[in-house]
Structures are given as structure tokens and as C-alpha cells.
Protein backbone atom coordinates (compact mmCIF):
# COMPACT_ATOMS: atom_id res chain seq x y z
CA MET A 1 110.84 100.77 97.93
CA ASN A 2 110.60 98.79 94.71
CA TYR A 3 108.84 99.91 91.55
CA TYR A 4 107.47 97.64 88.87
CA VAL A 5 107.13 97.87 85.12
CA TYR A 6 104.47 95.47 83.93
CA ILE A 7 102.78 94.20 80.80
CA LEU A 8 99.17 93.09 80.87
CA LYS A 9 97.33 91.19 78.17
CA SER A 10 93.59 91.45 77.59
CA LEU A 11 91.97 88.04 77.63
CA ASN A 12 89.20 89.35 75.37
CA ASN A 13 90.96 90.87 72.38
CA ASN A 14 94.71 90.30 72.48
CA ARG A 15 95.62 93.90 73.42
CA TYR A 16 98.56 94.75 75.63
CA TYR A 17 99.01 97.43 78.27
CA ILE A 18 102.33 98.64 79.69
CA GLY A 19 102.55 100.52 82.97
CA GLN A 20 104.60 101.15 86.08
CA THR A 21 103.61 101.19 89.74
CA LYS A 22 104.89 100.72 93.26
CA ASP A 23 102.10 98.24 94.19
CA LEU A 24 101.72 95.69 91.41
CA GLU A 25 98.93 93.57 92.92
CA LYS A 26 96.79 96.62 93.70
CA ARG A 27 97.36 98.07 90.24
CA ILE A 28 96.26 94.85 88.50
CA ARG A 29 93.11 94.79 90.65
CA ILE A 30 92.37 98.37 89.56
CA HIS A 31 92.87 97.48 85.87
CA ASN A 32 90.30 94.73 86.31
CA SER A 33 87.79 96.93 88.16
CA LEU A 34 85.27 99.57 87.16
CA LYS A 35 87.68 102.24 88.49
CA ALA A 36 89.92 101.75 85.48
CA ARG A 37 89.47 104.28 82.71
CA TRP A 38 91.07 103.04 79.49
CA THR A 39 91.58 99.42 80.50
CA LYS A 40 88.03 98.62 81.64
CA ARG A 41 86.94 98.27 78.01
CA TYR A 42 89.28 95.31 77.54
CA GLN A 43 88.85 93.43 80.81
CA PRO A 44 89.81 90.94 82.08
CA TRP A 45 93.57 91.48 82.11
CA GLU A 46 96.32 89.05 83.02
CA LEU A 47 99.89 89.84 83.98
CA VAL A 48 102.28 88.46 81.37
CA HIS A 49 105.53 90.18 82.42
CA SER A 50 106.94 92.35 85.19
CA GLU A 51 110.32 93.87 86.08
CA ILE A 52 111.52 95.35 89.38
CA TYR A 53 113.41 98.65 89.72
CA LEU A 54 114.85 100.39 92.77
CA THR A 55 113.71 103.88 91.78
CA ARG A 56 110.63 105.30 90.13
CA SER A 57 112.75 107.16 87.59
CA GLU A 58 114.29 103.86 86.41
CA ALA A 59 110.83 102.32 86.12
CA ILE A 60 109.49 105.29 84.16
CA LYS A 61 112.44 105.18 81.76
CA ARG A 62 111.87 101.48 81.10
CA GLU A 63 108.11 101.99 80.69
CA MET A 64 108.67 104.77 78.14
CA PHE A 65 111.21 102.62 76.27
CA LEU A 66 108.80 99.69 76.05
CA LYS A 67 105.93 101.92 74.96
CA ASN A 68 108.04 103.48 72.23
CA ILE A 69 109.33 100.27 70.63
CA GLY A 70 105.88 99.47 69.21
CA GLY A 71 104.29 96.09 68.64
CA VAL A 72 104.63 94.85 72.20
CA GLY A 73 102.81 91.63 71.38
CA LYS A 74 105.40 90.72 68.77
CA LYS A 75 108.33 91.72 70.95
CA LEU A 76 107.16 90.22 74.25
CA ILE A 77 109.32 87.11 73.89
CA LYS A 78 112.41 89.29 73.38
CA ILE A 79 111.50 91.36 76.44
CA ILE A 80 111.06 88.26 78.59
CA ASN A 81 114.34 86.80 77.31
CA GLY A 82 116.16 90.02 78.17
CA GLU A 83 117.02 90.83 74.56
CA ILE A 84 115.48 94.31 74.78
């Protein structure tokens, strides 16, 4: 089974959200629904980047790395270009 690391961007206030999941489409629907906790305040969300991993542990490591680099908005181009 594949696991995904993803970056969402709020269309309302230019915030970013980084997460990981095994069902990307379902997870994005949840982020844009009333079931979402933190992200419902900044809806709607759009997917701006995703990466595929073979194991959940790989996806979690990448998610933690991306969350710890800070300033995702400024570094998104580098992430997409594979520089980080």
C-alpha cells in the first residue's frame, strides 16, 4: 500500500498544511468538511504538492522533516523541484 505526504494551501488566507495519509482523496475531502478540526477554520483547501512512499514510516519521516524546516510557503518551490 502507498502512503502520501501532502501539502495543502488555504484559498482564504495563504496558510499551508502538511500531512500524511494512505488515502489522499479522502483526506482532502475531510480537510474541506466540517469533520476537520484545525483545518476547517481555513477552508477551502487545495492540494499543491504530494509525494508517494511505500511505507508509513517513510511518509512520517518526510512529514516531520517538512514540518520542521519552517516557512513551507517560501520553500515550496524547492520541495517541488526536489531540492529538499
